[in-house]
C-alpha atoms as a PDB file:
ATOM      1  CA  MET A   1      17.277  -2.610 -16.436  1.00  0.00           C
ATOM      2  CA  PRO A   2      15.463   0.345 -14.585  1.00  0.00           C
ATOM      3  CA  LEU A   3      16.747   0.889 -10.936  1.00  0.00           C
ATOM      4  CA  GLY A   4      14.340  -0.775  -8.522  1.00  0.00           C
ATOM      5  CA  GLN A   5      13.427  -3.526 -11.150  1.00  0.00           C
ATOM      6  CA  ASN A   6      14.074  -7.319 -10.203  1.00  0.00           C
ATOM      7  CA  GLU A   7      14.862  -9.641 -13.151  1.00  0.00           C
ATOM      8  CA  ASP A   8      12.997 -12.285 -11.531  1.00  0.00           C
ATOM      9  CA  MET A   9       9.950 -10.100 -11.220  1.00  0.00           C
ATOM     10  CA  PRO A  10       9.823  -8.048 -14.174  1.00  0.00           C
ATOM     11  CA  ASP A  11       6.295  -6.983 -13.606  1.00  0.00           C
ATOM     12  CA  ILE A  12       6.949  -5.060 -10.215  1.00  0.00           C
ATOM     13  CA  LEU A  13       8.780  -1.736 -10.246  1.00  0.00           C
ATOM     14  CA  TYR A  14       9.924  -0.821  -6.755  1.00  0.00           C
ATOM     15  CA  PRO A  15      10.237   3.242  -6.845  1.00  0.00           C
ATOM     16  CA  ALA A  16      13.716   4.325  -6.130  1.00  0.00           C
ATOM     17  CA  HIS A  17      12.728   6.610  -3.149  1.00  0.00           C
ATOM     18  CA  GLU A  18      10.947   3.535  -1.500  1.00  0.00           C
ATOM     19  CA  VAL A  19      14.297   1.455  -2.148  1.00  0.00           C
ATOM     20  CA  GLN A  20      16.378   4.210  -0.780  1.00  0.00           C
ATOM     21  CA  GLY A  21      14.182   4.271   2.459  1.00  0.00           C
ATOM     22  CA  LEU A  22      14.587   0.762   3.007  1.00  0.00           C
ATOM     23  CA  VAL A  23      18.479   1.130   2.606  1.00  0.00           C
ATOM     24  CA  MET A  24      18.303   3.954   5.164  1.00  0.00           C
ATOM     25  CA  GLN A  25      16.232   1.736   7.779  1.00  0.00           C
ATOM     26  CA  ALA A  26      17.908  -1.578   6.748  1.00  0.00           C
ATOM     27  CA  ASN A  27      19.244  -2.078  10.352  1.00  0.00           C
ATOM     28  CA  GLU A  28      15.878  -1.563  11.910  1.00  0.00           C
ATOM     29  CA  ALA A  29      14.206  -3.844   8.900  1.00  0.00           C
ATOM     30  CA  ALA A  30      16.814  -6.677   9.613  1.00  0.00           C
ATOM     31  CA  ASN A  31      15.981  -6.653  13.455  1.00  0.00           C
ATOM     32  CA  PHE A  32      12.186  -6.964  12.451  1.00  0.00           C
ATOM     33  CA  LEU A  33      12.719  -9.762  10.280  1.00  0.00           C
ATOM     34  CA  LYS A  34      15.047 -11.522  12.752  1.00  0.00           C
ATOM     35  CA  ALA A  35      12.493 -11.433  15.389  1.00  0.00           C
ATOM     36  CA  LEU A  36       9.920 -13.090  13.021  1.00  0.00           C
ATOM     37  CA  GLY A  37      12.594 -15.216  11.491  1.00  0.00           C
ATOM     38  CA  HIS A  38      11.996 -18.318  13.991  1.00  0.00           C
ATOM     39  CA  ASP A  39       9.104 -20.510  13.234  1.00  0.00           C
ATOM     40  CA  GLY A  40       7.768 -20.537  16.720  1.00  0.00           C
ATOM     41  CA  ARG A  41       7.512 -16.537  17.142  1.00  0.00           C
ATOM     42  CA  LEU A  42       5.957 -16.401  13.414  1.00  0.00           C
ATOM     43  CA  THR A  43       3.358 -19.063  14.367  1.00  0.00           C
ATOM     44  CA  ILE A  44       2.573 -17.231  17.868  1.00  0.00           C
ATOM     45  CA  LEU A  45       2.262 -13.923  15.805  1.00  0.00           C
ATOM     46  CA  CYS A  46      -0.178 -15.751  13.194  1.00  0.00           C
ATOM     47  CA  HIS A  47      -2.195 -16.798  16.267  1.00  0.00           C
ATOM     48  CA  LEU A  48      -2.440 -13.416  17.798  1.00  0.00           C
ATOM     49  CA  ARG A  49      -3.401 -11.718  14.563  1.00  0.00           C
ATOM     50  CA  SER A  50      -6.955 -13.199  15.191  1.00  0.00           C
ATOM     51  CA  GLY A  51      -7.180 -11.531  18.612  1.00  0.00           C
ATOM     52  CA  PRO A  52      -5.520 -11.559  21.948  1.00  0.00           C
ATOM     53  CA  LYS A  53      -4.369 -14.965  23.834  1.00  0.00           C
ATOM     54  CA  SER A  54      -3.510 -16.033  26.942  1.00  0.00           C
ATOM     55  CA  VAL A  55      -0.053 -18.180  27.099  1.00  0.00           C
ATOM     56  CA  THR A  56      -2.201 -21.298  28.208  1.00  0.00           C
ATOM     57  CA  GLU A  57      -4.174 -20.454  24.808  1.00  0.00           C
ATOM     58  CA  LEU A  58      -0.886 -20.142  23.012  1.00  0.00           C
ATOM     59  CA  GLU A  59       0.540 -23.285  24.589  1.00  0.00           C
ATOM     60  CA  ASN A  60      -2.383 -25.427  23.221  1.00  0.00           C
ATOM     61  CA  LEU A  61      -2.358 -23.900  19.744  1.00  0.00           C
ATOM     62  CA  LEU A  62       1.394 -24.755  19.437  1.00  0.00           C
ATOM     63  CA  SER A  63       1.335 -27.773  21.271  1.00  0.00           C
ATOM     64  CA  SER A  64       4.514 -26.592  23.212  1.00  0.00           C
ATOM     65  CA  ARG A  65       5.712 -26.395  26.850  1.00  0.00           C
ATOM     66  CA  GLN A  66       4.975 -23.146  28.784  1.00  0.00           C
ATOM     67  CA  ALA A  67       8.599 -22.298  29.287  1.00  0.00           C
ATOM     68  CA  VAL A  68       9.037 -22.437  25.434  1.00  0.00           C
ATOM     69  CA  VAL A  69       6.320 -20.355  24.615  1.00  0.00           C
ATOM     70  CA  SER A  70       7.222 -17.732  27.382  1.00  0.00           C
ATOM     71  CA  GLN A  71      10.720 -17.517  26.001  1.00  0.00           C
ATOM     72  CA  GLN A  72       9.361 -16.600  22.572  1.00  0.00           C
ATOM     73  CA  LEU A  73       6.714 -14.106  24.003  1.00  0.00           C
ATOM     74  CA  ALA A  74       9.556 -12.476  25.908  1.00  0.00           C
ATOM     75  CA  ARG A  75      11.520 -12.166  22.680  1.00  0.00           C
ATOM     76  CA  LEU A  76       8.549 -10.576  20.939  1.00  0.00           C
ATOM     77  CA  ARG A  77       7.855  -8.144  23.774  1.00  0.00           C
ATOM     78  CA  LEU A  78      11.548  -7.137  23.980  1.00  0.00           C
ATOM     79  CA  GLU A  79      11.301  -6.330  20.317  1.00  0.00           C
ATOM     80  CA  GLY A  80       8.067  -4.364  20.557  1.00  0.00           C
ATOM     81  CA  LEU A  81       6.140  -6.495  18.548  1.00  0.00           C
ATOM     82  CA  VAL A  82       3.574  -7.846  21.042  1.00  0.00           C
ATOM     83  CA  SER A  83       1.958  -6.548  24.250  1.00  0.00           C
ATOM     84  CA  ALA A  84       0.797  -8.172  27.515  1.00  0.00           C
ATOM     85  CA  ARG A  85      -1.919  -7.677  29.968  1.00  0.00           C
ATOM     86  CA  ARG A  86      -2.653  -9.259  33.049  1.00  0.00           C
ATOM     87  CA  GLU A  87      -6.288 -10.533  33.693  1.00  0.00           C
ATOM     88  CA  GLY A  88      -6.423 -12.185  37.198  1.00  0.00           C
ATOM     89  CA  GLN A  89      -3.949 -15.286  36.861  1.00  0.00           C
ATOM     90  CA  ALA A  90      -3.611 -15.040  33.292  1.00  0.00           C
ATOM     91  CA  ILE A  91      -1.572 -12.959  30.697  1.00  0.00           C
ATOM     92  CA  PHE A  92      -3.041 -12.134  27.555  1.00  0.00           C
ATOM     93  CA  TYR A  93      -0.490 -11.195  24.467  1.00  0.00           C
ATOM     94  CA  SER A  94      -1.658  -9.083  21.472  1.00  0.00           C
ATOM     95  CA  ILE A  95       0.106  -7.523  18.601  1.00  0.00           C
ATOM     96  CA  LEU A  96       1.438  -4.151  19.153  1.00  0.00           C
ATOM     97  CA  ASP A  97       3.362  -3.209  16.085  1.00  0.00           C
ATOM     98  CA  PRO A  98       1.131  -2.680  13.163  1.00  0.00           C
ATOM     99  CA  LYS A  99       3.719  -3.726  10.491  1.00  0.00           C
ATOM    100  CA  VAL A 100       3.310  -7.374  12.114  1.00  0.00           C
ATOM    101  CA  GLY A 101      -0.234  -7.708  10.716  1.00  0.00           C
ATOM    102  CA  GLU A 102       0.910  -6.381   7.423  1.00  0.00           C
ATOM    103  CA  THR A 103       3.820  -8.773   7.067  1.00  0.00           C
ATOM    104  CA  ILE A 104       1.805 -12.019   8.127  1.00  0.00           C
ATOM    105  CA  ALA A 105      -0.779 -10.972   5.388  1.00  0.00           C
ATOM    106  CA  LEU A 106       2.349 -10.810   3.019  1.00  0.00           C
ATOM    107  CA  LEU A 107       3.634 -14.011   4.147  1.00  0.00           C
ATOM    108  CA  ALA A 108       0.472 -15.656   3.927  1.00  0.00           C
ATOM    109  CA  ARG A 109      -0.112 -14.404   0.306  1.00  0.00           C
ATOM    110  CA  LEU A 110       3.693 -15.702  -0.421  1.00  0.00           C
ATOM    111  CA  PHE A 111       3.577 -18.939   1.136  1.00  0.00           C
ATOM    112  CA  GLY A 112       0.017 -19.874   1.820  1.00  0.00           C
ATOM    113  CA  PRO A 113      -1.879 -22.370   0.062  1.00  0.00           C
ATOM    114  CA  ARG A 114      -1.856 -22.001  -3.785  1.00  0.00           C
ATOM    115  CA  GLY A 115      -5.375 -21.780  -5.203  1.00  0.00           C
END
Protein backbone atom coordinates (compact mmCIF):
# COMPACT_ATOMS: atom_id res chain seq x y z
CA MET A 1 0.00 0.00 0.00
CA PRO A 2 1.45 3.47 -0.89
CA LEU A 3 2.76 5.65 1.92
CA GLY A 4 0.01 7.79 3.36
CA GLN A 5 -2.83 5.58 2.14
CA ASN A 6 -5.18 4.22 4.75
CA GLU A 7 -6.58 0.73 4.28
CA ASP A 8 -9.95 1.87 5.71
CA MET A 9 -10.15 4.80 3.28
CA PRO A 10 -8.64 3.54 0.02
CA ASP A 11 -9.92 6.52 -2.02
CA ILE A 12 -7.97 9.06 0.02
CA LEU A 13 -4.26 9.51 -0.51
CA TYR A 14 -2.31 11.62 1.93
CA PRO A 15 0.80 13.08 0.33
CA ALA A 16 3.89 12.06 2.29
CA HIS A 17 4.95 15.69 2.80
CA GLU A 18 1.58 16.51 4.46
CA VAL A 19 1.84 13.54 6.79
CA GLN A 20 5.45 14.43 7.62
CA GLY A 21 4.37 17.99 8.42
CA LEU A 22 1.79 16.64 10.86
CA VAL A 23 4.40 14.38 12.45
CA MET A 24 6.61 17.44 13.01
CA GLN A 25 3.69 19.33 14.59
CA ALA A 26 2.11 16.39 16.41
CA ASN A 27 2.36 18.01 19.85
CA GLU A 28 0.72 21.22 18.67
CA ALA A 29 -2.00 19.25 16.86
CA ALA A 30 -2.63 17.07 19.92
CA ASN A 31 -2.99 20.13 22.17
CA PHE A 32 -5.43 21.67 19.68
CA LEU A 33 -7.49 18.48 19.64
CA LYS A 34 -7.42 18.24 23.45
CA ALA A 35 -8.87 21.74 23.67
CA LEU A 36 -11.67 20.72 21.31
CA GLY A 37 -12.00 17.30 22.96
CA HIS A 38 -14.57 18.36 25.55
CA ASP A 39 -18.23 18.41 24.56
CA GLY A 40 -18.86 21.73 26.32
CA ARG A 41 -15.93 23.49 24.64
CA LEU A 42 -16.79 21.98 21.27
CA THR A 43 -20.40 23.12 21.61
CA ILE A 44 -19.28 26.64 22.53
CA LEU A 45 -17.08 26.78 19.44
CA CYS A 46 -19.95 25.54 17.27
CA HIS A 47 -22.11 28.40 18.54
CA LEU A 48 -19.32 30.95 18.12
CA ARG A 49 -18.88 29.92 14.50
CA SER A 50 -21.98 31.98 13.64
CA GLY A 51 -20.50 35.08 15.30
CA PRO A 52 -19.56 36.60 18.66
CA LYS A 53 -21.67 35.67 21.66
CA SER A 54 -21.89 37.02 25.20
CA VAL A 55 -21.40 34.73 28.18
CA THR A 56 -25.13 35.06 28.91
CA GLU A 57 -26.03 34.01 25.37
CA LEU A 58 -23.73 31.00 25.66
CA GLU A 59 -25.22 30.06 29.04
CA ASN A 60 -28.68 30.04 27.46
CA LEU A 61 -27.56 28.14 24.34
CA LEU A 62 -25.82 25.49 26.46
CA SER A 63 -28.44 25.46 29.25
CA SER A 64 -25.52 25.68 31.63
CA ARG A 65 -24.45 27.72 34.64
CA GLN A 66 -22.27 30.79 34.22
CA ALA A 67 -19.40 29.26 36.19
CA VAL A 68 -19.25 26.21 33.92
CA VAL A 69 -19.37 28.28 30.72
CA SER A 70 -16.75 30.70 32.03
CA GLN A 71 -14.43 27.83 32.95
CA GLN A 72 -14.63 26.40 29.43
CA LEU A 73 -14.17 29.84 27.86
CA ALA A 74 -11.09 30.39 30.03
CA ARG A 75 -9.56 27.18 28.69
CA LEU A 76 -10.36 28.18 25.11
CA ARG A 77 -8.75 31.59 25.70
CA LEU A 78 -5.69 29.99 27.28
CA GLU A 79 -5.30 27.81 24.17
CA GLY A 80 -5.61 30.89 21.92
CA LEU A 81 -8.76 29.60 20.23
CA VAL A 82 -11.12 32.43 21.24
CA SER A 83 -10.81 36.11 22.06
CA ALA A 84 -12.85 38.24 24.43
CA ARG A 85 -13.99 41.85 24.21
CA ARG A 86 -15.80 43.79 26.88
CA GLU A 87 -18.83 45.86 25.96
CA GLY A 88 -20.18 47.57 29.07
CA GLN A 89 -20.97 44.82 31.57
CA ALA A 90 -21.00 42.07 28.94
CA ILE A 91 -18.04 40.10 27.61
CA PHE A 92 -18.34 38.84 24.04
CA TYR A 93 -16.35 35.88 22.79
CA SER A 94 -15.40 35.08 19.22
CA ILE A 95 -13.27 32.53 17.43
CA LEU A 96 -9.67 33.68 17.14
CA ASP A 97 -7.89 30.73 15.51
CA PRO A 98 -8.98 30.08 11.89
CA LYS A 99 -8.22 26.36 12.34
CA VAL A 100 -11.27 26.20 14.62
CA GLY A 101 -13.73 27.06 11.84
CA GLU A 102 -12.14 24.57 9.46
CA THR A 103 -12.17 21.85 12.13
CA ILE A 104 -15.81 22.52 13.06
CA ALA A 105 -16.76 22.28 9.36
CA LEU A 106 -14.91 18.98 9.04
CA LEU A 107 -16.52 17.58 12.19
CA ALA A 108 -19.95 18.68 10.96
CA ARG A 109 -19.37 16.74 7.73
CA LEU A 110 -18.12 13.68 9.59
CA PHE A 111 -20.64 13.62 12.44
CA GLY A 112 -23.57 15.73 11.22
CA PRO A 113 -26.88 14.40 9.99
CA ARG A 114 -26.62 11.89 7.18
CA GLY A 115 -28.67 12.93 4.20
